[in-house]
Amino acid sequence: MTFALSDMKVSSHDLKQGDKIAEMHSYDGDNISPQLYWEKNPDGTKSIAVFCHDPDAPLISSPGTYGFTHWLVYNIPPTTTELQQGCQDYAKGKNNFGEVGYGGPKPPEGHGRHHYFFWVLALDIEPSLDNGLELAEFLQKVEPHVLGMNRLMAHFER
């Protein structure tokens, strides 16, 4: 899947582009998902999806994907423009902790700074995907349906 950015805008009250993620959003902290806001959905958007991925993680999963998935939320109605902090709504995918829902940053101790990309995707498909998808299978299903995307990046280190 290519990740060409669109005119969508992603922001957060909890995360600032390029800044450190607060401890409360880390796995060892309160493990609470951050608030996210997006705007400028492309025409034809029928659902929204959000995921958080750490490409710096030393993990290669089958089928050959890299990095660590921390969060996958989808089947979000197109009129929704925000996920509140600690959001438990909508369909949730599996993270690489083996859990469904949000799993905050927890890079290996001494591994240095990791970068966390919070992606928002505008899709031209109705919100009807099954719960519990892993990121690779989710992306395989939605790739032909991505109308626009953008992301916010923050970092964390232990």
C-alpha atoms as a PDB file:
ATOM      1  CA  MET A   1       0.000   0.000   0.000  1.00  0.00           C
ATOM      2  CA  THR A   2       1.348   3.406  -0.854  1.00  0.00           C
ATOM      3  CA  PHE A   3       0.897   6.151   1.704  1.00  0.00           C
ATOM      4  CA  ALA A   4       0.360   9.289  -0.375  1.00  0.00           C
ATOM      5  CA  LEU A   5      -0.856  12.096   1.844  1.00  0.00           C
ATOM      6  CA  SER A   6      -4.000  14.010   0.920  1.00  0.00           C
ATOM      7  CA  ASP A   7      -5.496  17.342   1.978  1.00  0.00           C
ATOM      8  CA  MET A   8      -6.978  15.764   5.109  1.00  0.00           C
ATOM      9  CA  LYS A   9      -5.766  17.385   8.339  1.00  0.00           C
ATOM     10  CA  VAL A  10      -5.097  15.418  11.541  1.00  0.00           C
ATOM     11  CA  SER A  11      -4.589  17.057  14.925  1.00  0.00           C
ATOM     12  CA  SER A  12      -4.934  16.273  18.628  1.00  0.00           C
ATOM     13  CA  HIS A  13      -5.304  17.966  21.983  1.00  0.00           C
ATOM     14  CA  ASP A  14      -3.104  15.195  23.427  1.00  0.00           C
ATOM     15  CA  LEU A  15      -0.391  14.927  20.769  1.00  0.00           C
ATOM     16  CA  LYS A  16       1.622  17.584  19.029  1.00  0.00           C
ATOM     17  CA  GLN A  17       3.384  16.842  15.749  1.00  0.00           C
ATOM     18  CA  GLY A  18       6.924  15.665  16.520  1.00  0.00           C
ATOM     19  CA  ASP A  19       6.608  15.924  20.321  1.00  0.00           C
ATOM     20  CA  LYS A  20       6.889  13.268  23.020  1.00  0.00           C
ATOM     21  CA  ILE A  21       3.798  11.202  23.817  1.00  0.00           C
ATOM     22  CA  ALA A  22       2.623  11.722  27.411  1.00  0.00           C
ATOM     23  CA  GLU A  23       3.175   8.845  29.845  1.00  0.00           C
ATOM     24  CA  MET A  24      -0.598   8.473  30.347  1.00  0.00           C
ATOM     25  CA  HIS A  25      -0.873   7.268  26.723  1.00  0.00           C
ATOM     26  CA  SER A  26       1.925   4.694  27.140  1.00  0.00           C
ATOM     27  CA  TYR A  27       1.359   1.000  27.808  1.00  0.00           C
ATOM     28  CA  ASP A  28       3.116   1.277  31.188  1.00  0.00           C
ATOM     29  CA  GLY A  29       1.170   4.440  32.063  1.00  0.00           C
ATOM     30  CA  ASP A  30      -2.628   4.628  31.974  1.00  0.00           C
ATOM     31  CA  ASN A  31      -2.710   3.083  28.463  1.00  0.00           C
ATOM     32  CA  ILE A  32      -5.383   5.554  27.343  1.00  0.00           C
ATOM     33  CA  SER A  33      -5.723   6.278  23.636  1.00  0.00           C
ATOM     34  CA  PRO A  34      -5.157   9.935  22.718  1.00  0.00           C
ATOM     35  CA  GLN A  35      -7.813  12.262  21.334  1.00  0.00           C
ATOM     36  CA  LEU A  36      -7.627  12.694  17.552  1.00  0.00           C
ATOM     37  CA  TYR A  37      -9.414  15.158  15.272  1.00  0.00           C
ATOM     38  CA  TRP A  38      -9.540  15.213  11.472  1.00  0.00           C
ATOM     39  CA  GLU A  39     -11.055  17.409   8.796  1.00  0.00           C
ATOM     40  CA  LYS A  40     -11.267  17.799   5.020  1.00  0.00           C
ATOM     41  CA  ASN A  41     -12.610  14.325   4.234  1.00  0.00           C
ATOM     42  CA  PRO A  42     -12.609  13.805   0.456  1.00  0.00           C
ATOM     43  CA  ASP A  43     -15.929  13.739  -1.409  1.00  0.00           C
ATOM     44  CA  GLY A  44     -17.392  10.240  -1.432  1.00  0.00           C
ATOM     45  CA  THR A  45     -16.104   9.286   2.035  1.00  0.00           C
ATOM     46  CA  LYS A  46     -18.334   6.550   3.490  1.00  0.00           C
ATOM     47  CA  SER A  47     -16.219   5.534   6.501  1.00  0.00           C
ATOM     48  CA  ILE A  48     -13.095   6.454   8.439  1.00  0.00           C
ATOM     49  CA  ALA A  49     -10.347   4.294   9.939  1.00  0.00           C
ATOM     50  CA  VAL A  50      -7.555   5.146  12.374  1.00  0.00           C
ATOM     51  CA  PHE A  51      -4.425   3.205  13.208  1.00  0.00           C
ATOM     52  CA  CYS A  52      -1.191   3.783  15.101  1.00  0.00           C
ATOM     53  CA  HIS A  53       1.979   2.120  13.859  1.00  0.00           C
ATOM     54  CA  ASP A  54       5.573   2.161  15.150  1.00  0.00           C
ATOM     55  CA  PRO A  55       7.906   1.428  12.223  1.00  0.00           C
ATOM     56  CA  ASP A  56      10.969   1.528  14.536  1.00  0.00           C
ATOM     57  CA  ALA A  57       9.930  -1.603  16.439  1.00  0.00           C
ATOM     58  CA  PRO A  58      12.129  -4.661  15.845  1.00  0.00           C
ATOM     59  CA  LEU A  59       9.212  -6.911  14.899  1.00  0.00           C
ATOM     60  CA  ILE A  60       8.498  -8.692  11.662  1.00  0.00           C
ATOM     61  CA  SER A  61       5.101 -10.373  11.583  1.00  0.00           C
ATOM     62  CA  SER A  62       3.574 -12.716   9.094  1.00  0.00           C
ATOM     63  CA  PRO A  63       2.962 -12.020   6.257  1.00  0.00           C
ATOM     64  CA  GLY A  64       6.250 -10.099   6.273  1.00  0.00           C
ATOM     65  CA  THR A  65       4.942  -6.831   7.721  1.00  0.00           C
ATOM     66  CA  TYR A  66       7.295  -4.774   9.867  1.00  0.00           C
ATOM     67  CA  GLY A  67       6.979  -2.576  12.893  1.00  0.00           C
ATOM     68  CA  PHE A  68       4.372  -2.701  15.635  1.00  0.00           C
ATOM     69  CA  THR A  69       0.650  -1.991  15.431  1.00  0.00           C
ATOM     70  CA  HIS A  70      -0.595  -0.200  18.555  1.00  0.00           C
ATOM     71  CA  TRP A  71      -4.145   0.665  17.571  1.00  0.00           C
ATOM     72  CA  LEU A  72      -6.673  -0.007  14.824  1.00  0.00           C
ATOM     73  CA  VAL A  73     -10.197   1.471  14.858  1.00  0.00           C
ATOM     74  CA  TYR A  74     -12.511   1.337  11.844  1.00  0.00           C
ATOM     75  CA  ASN A  75     -16.152   1.419  10.727  1.00  0.00           C
ATOM     76  CA  ILE A  76     -16.235   5.046  11.863  1.00  0.00           C
ATOM     77  CA  PRO A  77     -19.127   6.943  10.224  1.00  0.00           C
ATOM     78  CA  PRO A  78     -18.067   9.642   7.733  1.00  0.00           C
ATOM     79  CA  THR A  79     -19.760  12.391   9.764  1.00  0.00           C
ATOM     80  CA  THR A  80     -17.482  11.657  12.741  1.00  0.00           C
ATOM     81  CA  THR A  81     -14.507  14.010  12.962  1.00  0.00           C
ATOM     82  CA  GLU A  82     -12.995  13.031  16.308  1.00  0.00           C
ATOM     83  CA  LEU A  83     -12.095  10.138  18.569  1.00  0.00           C
ATOM     84  CA  GLN A  84     -12.235  11.175  22.199  1.00  0.00           C
ATOM     85  CA  GLN A  85      -9.439  10.222  24.583  1.00  0.00           C
ATOM     86  CA  GLY A  86      -9.977   6.609  25.675  1.00  0.00           C
ATOM     87  CA  CYS A  87     -12.473   5.979  22.863  1.00  0.00           C
ATOM     88  CA  GLN A  88     -14.124   2.549  23.021  1.00  0.00           C
ATOM     89  CA  ASP A  89     -16.498   3.041  20.091  1.00  0.00           C
ATOM     90  CA  TYR A  90     -16.505   1.456  16.614  1.00  0.00           C
ATOM     91  CA  ALA A  91     -14.837  -1.733  15.397  1.00  0.00           C
ATOM     92  CA  LYS A  92     -11.462  -2.496  16.914  1.00  0.00           C
ATOM     93  CA  GLY A  93      -8.613  -4.434  15.379  1.00  0.00           C
ATOM     94  CA  LYS A  94      -5.862  -6.474  17.005  1.00  0.00           C
ATOM     95  CA  ASN A  95      -2.667  -4.788  18.097  1.00  0.00           C
ATOM     96  CA  ASN A  96       0.714  -6.524  18.299  1.00  0.00           C
ATOM     97  CA  PHE A  97       0.329  -6.988  22.062  1.00  0.00           C
ATOM     98  CA  GLY A  98      -2.231  -9.641  21.061  1.00  0.00           C
ATOM     99  CA  GLU A  99      -5.083  -7.510  22.354  1.00  0.00           C
ATOM    100  CA  VAL A 100      -8.054  -5.846  20.696  1.00  0.00           C
ATOM    101  CA  GLY A 101      -8.069  -2.049  20.983  1.00  0.00           C
ATOM    102  CA  TYR A 102      -5.436   0.453  22.021  1.00  0.00           C
ATOM    103  CA  GLY A 103      -2.017  -0.553  23.330  1.00  0.00           C
ATOM    104  CA  GLY A 104       0.199   2.456  23.989  1.00  0.00           C
ATOM    105  CA  PRO A 105       3.906   2.926  23.329  1.00  0.00           C
ATOM    106  CA  LYS A 106       6.224   0.431  25.031  1.00  0.00           C
ATOM    107  CA  PRO A 107       9.479   0.307  23.081  1.00  0.00           C
ATOM    108  CA  PRO A 108      12.201  -2.014  24.399  1.00  0.00           C
ATOM    109  CA  GLU A 109      14.219  -0.356  27.174  1.00  0.00           C
ATOM    110  CA  GLY A 110      17.381   1.216  25.800  1.00  0.00           C
ATOM    111  CA  HIS A 111      16.175   0.871  22.201  1.00  0.00           C
ATOM    112  CA  GLY A 112      16.105   4.630  21.713  1.00  0.00           C
ATOM    113  CA  ARG A 113      13.391   6.899  20.409  1.00  0.00           C
ATOM    114  CA  HIS A 114      10.487   5.321  18.532  1.00  0.00           C
ATOM    115  CA  HIS A 115       8.182   7.221  16.196  1.00  0.00           C
ATOM    116  CA  TYR A 116       4.421   6.618  16.348  1.00  0.00           C
ATOM    117  CA  PHE A 117       2.339   7.448  13.297  1.00  0.00           C
ATOM    118  CA  PHE A 118      -1.370   8.018  13.952  1.00  0.00           C
ATOM    119  CA  TRP A 119      -2.967   7.519  10.526  1.00  0.00           C
ATOM    120  CA  VAL A 120      -6.483   8.564   9.539  1.00  0.00           C
ATOM    121  CA  LEU A 121      -7.910   7.026   6.343  1.00  0.00           C
ATOM    122  CA  ALA A 122     -11.007   8.170   4.451  1.00  0.00           C
ATOM    123  CA  LEU A 123     -12.614   5.191   2.704  1.00  0.00           C
ATOM    124  CA  ASP A 124     -15.276   4.822   0.023  1.00  0.00           C
ATOM    125  CA  ILE A 125     -16.777   1.723   1.682  1.00  0.00           C
ATOM    126  CA  GLU A 126     -19.629   1.534   4.174  1.00  0.00           C
ATOM    127  CA  PRO A 127     -18.647   0.803   7.796  1.00  0.00           C
ATOM    128  CA  SER A 128     -19.205  -2.971   7.672  1.00  0.00           C
ATOM    129  CA  LEU A 129     -15.859  -4.705   8.301  1.00  0.00           C
ATOM    130  CA  ASP A 130     -15.656  -7.430  10.961  1.00  0.00           C
ATOM    131  CA  ASN A 131     -14.142  -6.735  14.378  1.00  0.00           C
ATOM    132  CA  GLY A 132     -10.711  -8.092  15.270  1.00  0.00           C
ATOM    133  CA  LEU A 133      -8.797  -7.599  12.025  1.00  0.00           C
ATOM    134  CA  GLU A 134      -5.013  -7.367  12.117  1.00  0.00           C
ATOM    135  CA  LEU A 135      -3.481  -4.356  10.362  1.00  0.00           C
ATOM    136  CA  ALA A 136      -2.151  -6.325   7.360  1.00  0.00           C
ATOM    137  CA  GLU A 137      -5.538  -7.940   6.627  1.00  0.00           C
ATOM    138  CA  PHE A 138      -7.337  -4.637   7.227  1.00  0.00           C
ATOM    139  CA  LEU A 139      -5.066  -2.799   4.765  1.00  0.00           C
ATOM    140  CA  GLN A 140      -5.487  -5.564   2.200  1.00  0.00           C
ATOM    141  CA  LYS A 141      -9.278  -5.125   2.373  1.00  0.00           C
ATOM    142  CA  VAL A 142      -9.311  -1.309   2.234  1.00  0.00           C
ATOM    143  CA  GLU A 143      -6.395  -0.427  -0.041  1.00  0.00           C
ATOM    144  CA  PRO A 144      -8.529  -0.077  -3.180  1.00  0.00           C
ATOM    145  CA  HIS A 145     -11.001   2.071  -1.212  1.00  0.00           C
ATOM    146  CA  VAL A 146      -8.696   4.761   0.229  1.00  0.00           C
ATOM    147  CA  LEU A 147      -9.805   8.225  -0.909  1.00  0.00           C
ATOM    148  CA  GLY A 148      -7.475  10.211   1.324  1.00  0.00           C
ATOM    149  CA  MET A 149      -5.197   9.940   4.326  1.00  0.00           C
ATOM    150  CA  ASN A 150      -2.913  11.849   6.600  1.00  0.00           C
ATOM    151  CA  ARG A 151      -1.121  11.327   9.872  1.00  0.00           C
ATOM    152  CA  LEU A 152       0.266  12.844  12.994  1.00  0.00           C
ATOM    153  CA  MET A 153       3.637  11.635  14.298  1.00  0.00           C
ATOM    154  CA  ALA A 154       4.852  11.731  17.894  1.00  0.00           C
ATOM    155  CA  HIS A 155       7.646   9.864  19.687  1.00  0.00           C
ATOM    156  CA  PHE A 156       8.300   7.922  22.887  1.00  0.00           C
ATOM    157  CA  GLU A 157      11.387   6.445  24.528  1.00  0.00           C
ATOM    158  CA  ARG A 158      11.942   4.264  27.603  1.00  0.00           C
END
